[in-house]
Amino acid sequence: MLKRALTAGNQMLFMIFHKESQQIIGASGFNDRSKLEVPLFEIGYWLETAFTGQGFATEMVYALTDFAFESFKAARVQIVTQVGNEASRRVAEKCGFILEATLKNYCVDSLSKKLSDDWIFVRFTE
């Protein structure tokens, strides 16, 4: 069913719950890349500010990366983040991703509404 959801062009989203309080503290998942011929998975994630820096994003990225490689036979898994987002850079690097490129004028910043550059971090099939 999960493979069908991804191949149908849907995103796959997982909620992150705090173990003690059962409060939703974030989300992570695979962004839609189903129109590409390459078995490529892009991980996206966010956390409530109060829960950053505690290893939750790292844990989720590790889990999703393994899931993509083992269950979906991904050839590559990537994380795209805005240049200067050092917290996301640290998460990517802790999880074994390498900086592949800086994408110029890749997206529009949600706050400033100006074009921004993004980093693309990648891991390949081992």
C-alpha atoms as a PDB file:
ATOM      1  CA  MET A   1       0.000   0.000   0.000  1.00  0.00           C
ATOM      2  CA  LEU A   2       2.834   2.432   0.792  1.00  0.00           C
ATOM      3  CA  LYS A   3       4.513   1.746  -2.540  1.00  0.00           C
ATOM      4  CA  ARG A   4       1.188   2.339  -4.277  1.00  0.00           C
ATOM      5  CA  ALA A   5       0.757   5.677  -2.484  1.00  0.00           C
ATOM      6  CA  LEU A   6       4.152   6.887  -3.643  1.00  0.00           C
ATOM      7  CA  THR A   7       3.831   5.646  -7.206  1.00  0.00           C
ATOM      8  CA  ALA A   8       0.399   7.251  -7.447  1.00  0.00           C
ATOM      9  CA  GLY A   9       2.101  10.607  -6.929  1.00  0.00           C
ATOM     10  CA  ASN A  10       1.181  11.130  -3.311  1.00  0.00           C
ATOM     11  CA  GLN A  11       3.379  12.366  -0.544  1.00  0.00           C
ATOM     12  CA  MET A  12       3.949  10.192   2.480  1.00  0.00           C
ATOM     13  CA  LEU A  13       3.760  12.030   5.801  1.00  0.00           C
ATOM     14  CA  PHE A  14       4.595  10.785   9.289  1.00  0.00           C
ATOM     15  CA  MET A  15       3.732  12.663  12.463  1.00  0.00           C
ATOM     16  CA  ILE A  16       6.323  12.921  15.233  1.00  0.00           C
ATOM     17  CA  PHE A  17       4.898  12.397  18.718  1.00  0.00           C
ATOM     18  CA  HIS A  18       6.619  13.174  22.006  1.00  0.00           C
ATOM     19  CA  LYS A  19       6.918   9.861  23.892  1.00  0.00           C
ATOM     20  CA  GLU A  20       5.778  11.137  27.295  1.00  0.00           C
ATOM     21  CA  SER A  21       3.064  13.648  26.381  1.00  0.00           C
ATOM     22  CA  GLN A  22       1.893  12.089  23.076  1.00  0.00           C
ATOM     23  CA  GLN A  23       1.836  15.683  21.754  1.00  0.00           C
ATOM     24  CA  ILE A  24       2.516  16.166  18.027  1.00  0.00           C
ATOM     25  CA  ILE A  25       5.851  17.955  17.898  1.00  0.00           C
ATOM     26  CA  GLY A  26       6.589  17.738  14.187  1.00  0.00           C
ATOM     27  CA  ALA A  27       6.235  15.890  10.930  1.00  0.00           C
ATOM     28  CA  SER A  28       8.470  14.281   8.359  1.00  0.00           C
ATOM     29  CA  GLY A  29       8.005  12.410   5.132  1.00  0.00           C
ATOM     30  CA  PHE A  30       8.828  11.938   1.499  1.00  0.00           C
ATOM     31  CA  ASN A  31       8.084  14.740  -0.946  1.00  0.00           C
ATOM     32  CA  ASP A  32       6.505  13.789  -4.264  1.00  0.00           C
ATOM     33  CA  ARG A  33       9.128  12.796  -6.816  1.00  0.00           C
ATOM     34  CA  SER A  34       7.014  10.169  -8.567  1.00  0.00           C
ATOM     35  CA  LYS A  35       7.280  11.748 -12.004  1.00  0.00           C
ATOM     36  CA  LEU A  36      11.009  11.092 -12.144  1.00  0.00           C
ATOM     37  CA  GLU A  37      12.421   7.930 -13.696  1.00  0.00           C
ATOM     38  CA  VAL A  38      15.063   7.603 -10.968  1.00  0.00           C
ATOM     39  CA  PRO A  39      14.050   5.944  -7.674  1.00  0.00           C
ATOM     40  CA  LEU A  40      14.679   9.202  -5.803  1.00  0.00           C
ATOM     41  CA  PHE A  41      13.218  10.119  -2.429  1.00  0.00           C
ATOM     42  CA  GLU A  42      13.352  13.584  -0.911  1.00  0.00           C
ATOM     43  CA  ILE A  43      12.923  13.872   2.841  1.00  0.00           C
ATOM     44  CA  GLY A  44      11.224  16.907   4.319  1.00  0.00           C
ATOM     45  CA  TYR A  45      10.677  17.640   8.003  1.00  0.00           C
ATOM     46  CA  TRP A  46       9.714  20.291  10.560  1.00  0.00           C
ATOM     47  CA  LEU A  47       9.661  20.476  14.332  1.00  0.00           C
ATOM     48  CA  GLU A  48       8.039  22.762  16.861  1.00  0.00           C
ATOM     49  CA  THR A  49      10.722  25.215  17.996  1.00  0.00           C
ATOM     50  CA  ALA A  50      10.611  23.949  21.595  1.00  0.00           C
ATOM     51  CA  PHE A  51      11.753  20.511  20.397  1.00  0.00           C
ATOM     52  CA  THR A  52      14.646  21.435  18.107  1.00  0.00           C
ATOM     53  CA  GLY A  53      18.183  20.471  19.060  1.00  0.00           C
ATOM     54  CA  GLN A  54      17.070  17.328  20.903  1.00  0.00           C
ATOM     55  CA  GLY A  55      17.745  14.725  18.209  1.00  0.00           C
ATOM     56  CA  PHE A  56      14.166  14.251  16.993  1.00  0.00           C
ATOM     57  CA  ALA A  57      14.892  15.358  13.405  1.00  0.00           C
ATOM     58  CA  THR A  58      18.043  13.235  13.278  1.00  0.00           C
ATOM     59  CA  GLU A  59      16.152  10.171  14.478  1.00  0.00           C
ATOM     60  CA  MET A  60      13.418  10.683  11.887  1.00  0.00           C
ATOM     61  CA  VAL A  61      15.853  11.271   9.007  1.00  0.00           C
ATOM     62  CA  TYR A  62      17.775   8.091   9.911  1.00  0.00           C
ATOM     63  CA  ALA A  63      14.518   6.104   9.968  1.00  0.00           C
ATOM     64  CA  LEU A  64      13.171   7.497   6.684  1.00  0.00           C
ATOM     65  CA  THR A  65      16.510   7.062   4.927  1.00  0.00           C
ATOM     66  CA  ASP A  66      16.680   3.398   5.923  1.00  0.00           C
ATOM     67  CA  PHE A  67      13.013   2.983   4.952  1.00  0.00           C
ATOM     68  CA  ALA A  68      13.617   4.446   1.474  1.00  0.00           C
ATOM     69  CA  PHE A  69      16.656   2.261   0.787  1.00  0.00           C
ATOM     70  CA  GLU A  70      15.303  -0.971   2.253  1.00  0.00           C
ATOM     71  CA  SER A  71      11.599  -0.861   1.366  1.00  0.00           C
ATOM     72  CA  PHE A  72      11.603   1.123  -1.866  1.00  0.00           C
ATOM     73  CA  LYS A  73      15.073   0.306  -3.249  1.00  0.00           C
ATOM     74  CA  ALA A  74      15.911   4.006  -3.573  1.00  0.00           C
ATOM     75  CA  ALA A  75      18.960   4.872  -5.670  1.00  0.00           C
ATOM     76  CA  ARG A  76      19.317   8.181  -3.837  1.00  0.00           C
ATOM     77  CA  VAL A  77      17.748  10.002  -0.925  1.00  0.00           C
ATOM     78  CA  GLN A  78      18.068  13.751  -0.644  1.00  0.00           C
ATOM     79  CA  ILE A  79      17.330  16.642   1.677  1.00  0.00           C
ATOM     80  CA  VAL A  80      16.889  20.158   0.289  1.00  0.00           C
ATOM     81  CA  THR A  81      17.225  23.060   2.714  1.00  0.00           C
ATOM     82  CA  GLN A  82      17.716  26.796   2.468  1.00  0.00           C
ATOM     83  CA  VAL A  83      21.329  27.995   2.432  1.00  0.00           C
ATOM     84  CA  GLY A  84      22.197  29.080   5.951  1.00  0.00           C
ATOM     85  CA  ASN A  85      19.907  26.612   7.730  1.00  0.00           C
ATOM     86  CA  GLU A  86      22.727  25.249   9.860  1.00  0.00           C
ATOM     87  CA  ALA A  87      20.440  23.083  12.022  1.00  0.00           C
ATOM     88  CA  SER A  88      19.217  21.158   8.961  1.00  0.00           C
ATOM     89  CA  ARG A  89      22.755  20.976   7.638  1.00  0.00           C
ATOM     90  CA  ARG A  90      23.879  19.332  10.905  1.00  0.00           C
ATOM     91  CA  VAL A  91      20.982  16.845  10.752  1.00  0.00           C
ATOM     92  CA  ALA A  92      21.862  15.883   7.178  1.00  0.00           C
ATOM     93  CA  GLU A  93      25.555  15.486   7.943  1.00  0.00           C
ATOM     94  CA  LYS A  94      24.912  13.473  11.151  1.00  0.00           C
ATOM     95  CA  CYS A  95      22.830  11.078   9.045  1.00  0.00           C
ATOM     96  CA  GLY A  96      25.612  10.540   6.505  1.00  0.00           C
ATOM     97  CA  PHE A  97      24.403  12.909   3.776  1.00  0.00           C
ATOM     98  CA  ILE A  98      26.930  14.919   1.773  1.00  0.00           C
ATOM     99  CA  LEU A  99      26.480  18.373   0.278  1.00  0.00           C
ATOM    100  CA  GLU A 100      26.053  17.760  -3.439  1.00  0.00           C
ATOM    101  CA  ALA A 101      25.229  21.245  -4.708  1.00  0.00           C
ATOM    102  CA  THR A 102      24.038  24.748  -3.987  1.00  0.00           C
ATOM    103  CA  LEU A 103      20.967  25.519  -6.087  1.00  0.00           C
ATOM    104  CA  LYS A 104      20.804  29.210  -7.001  1.00  0.00           C
ATOM    105  CA  ASN A 105      17.408  30.957  -6.964  1.00  0.00           C
ATOM    106  CA  TYR A 106      15.775  27.591  -6.306  1.00  0.00           C
ATOM    107  CA  CYS A 107      12.766  28.668  -4.267  1.00  0.00           C
ATOM    108  CA  VAL A 108      10.927  31.631  -2.792  1.00  0.00           C
ATOM    109  CA  ASP A 109      11.540  32.324   0.900  1.00  0.00           C
ATOM    110  CA  SER A 110       8.211  32.010   2.712  1.00  0.00           C
ATOM    111  CA  LEU A 111       8.852  35.069   4.897  1.00  0.00           C
ATOM    112  CA  SER A 112      10.666  37.538   2.638  1.00  0.00           C
ATOM    113  CA  LYS A 113       9.005  36.343  -0.609  1.00  0.00           C
ATOM    114  CA  LYS A 114      12.390  36.725  -2.311  1.00  0.00           C
ATOM    115  CA  LEU A 115      14.280  34.120  -4.310  1.00  0.00           C
ATOM    116  CA  SER A 116      16.611  32.072  -2.160  1.00  0.00           C
ATOM    117  CA  ASP A 117      19.355  29.530  -2.681  1.00  0.00           C
ATOM    118  CA  ASP A 118      19.107  25.963  -1.383  1.00  0.00           C
ATOM    119  CA  TRP A 119      21.585  23.276  -0.440  1.00  0.00           C
ATOM    120  CA  ILE A 120      20.989  19.742  -1.643  1.00  0.00           C
ATOM    121  CA  PHE A 121      22.347  16.948   0.550  1.00  0.00           C
ATOM    122  CA  VAL A 122      22.367  13.385  -0.769  1.00  0.00           C
ATOM    123  CA  ARG A 123      22.992   9.756   0.164  1.00  0.00           C
ATOM    124  CA  PHE A 124      23.280   7.047  -2.454  1.00  0.00           C
ATOM    125  CA  THR A 125      22.596   3.324  -2.418  1.00  0.00           C
ATOM    126  CA  GLU A 126      25.290   1.674  -0.351  1.00  0.00           C
END
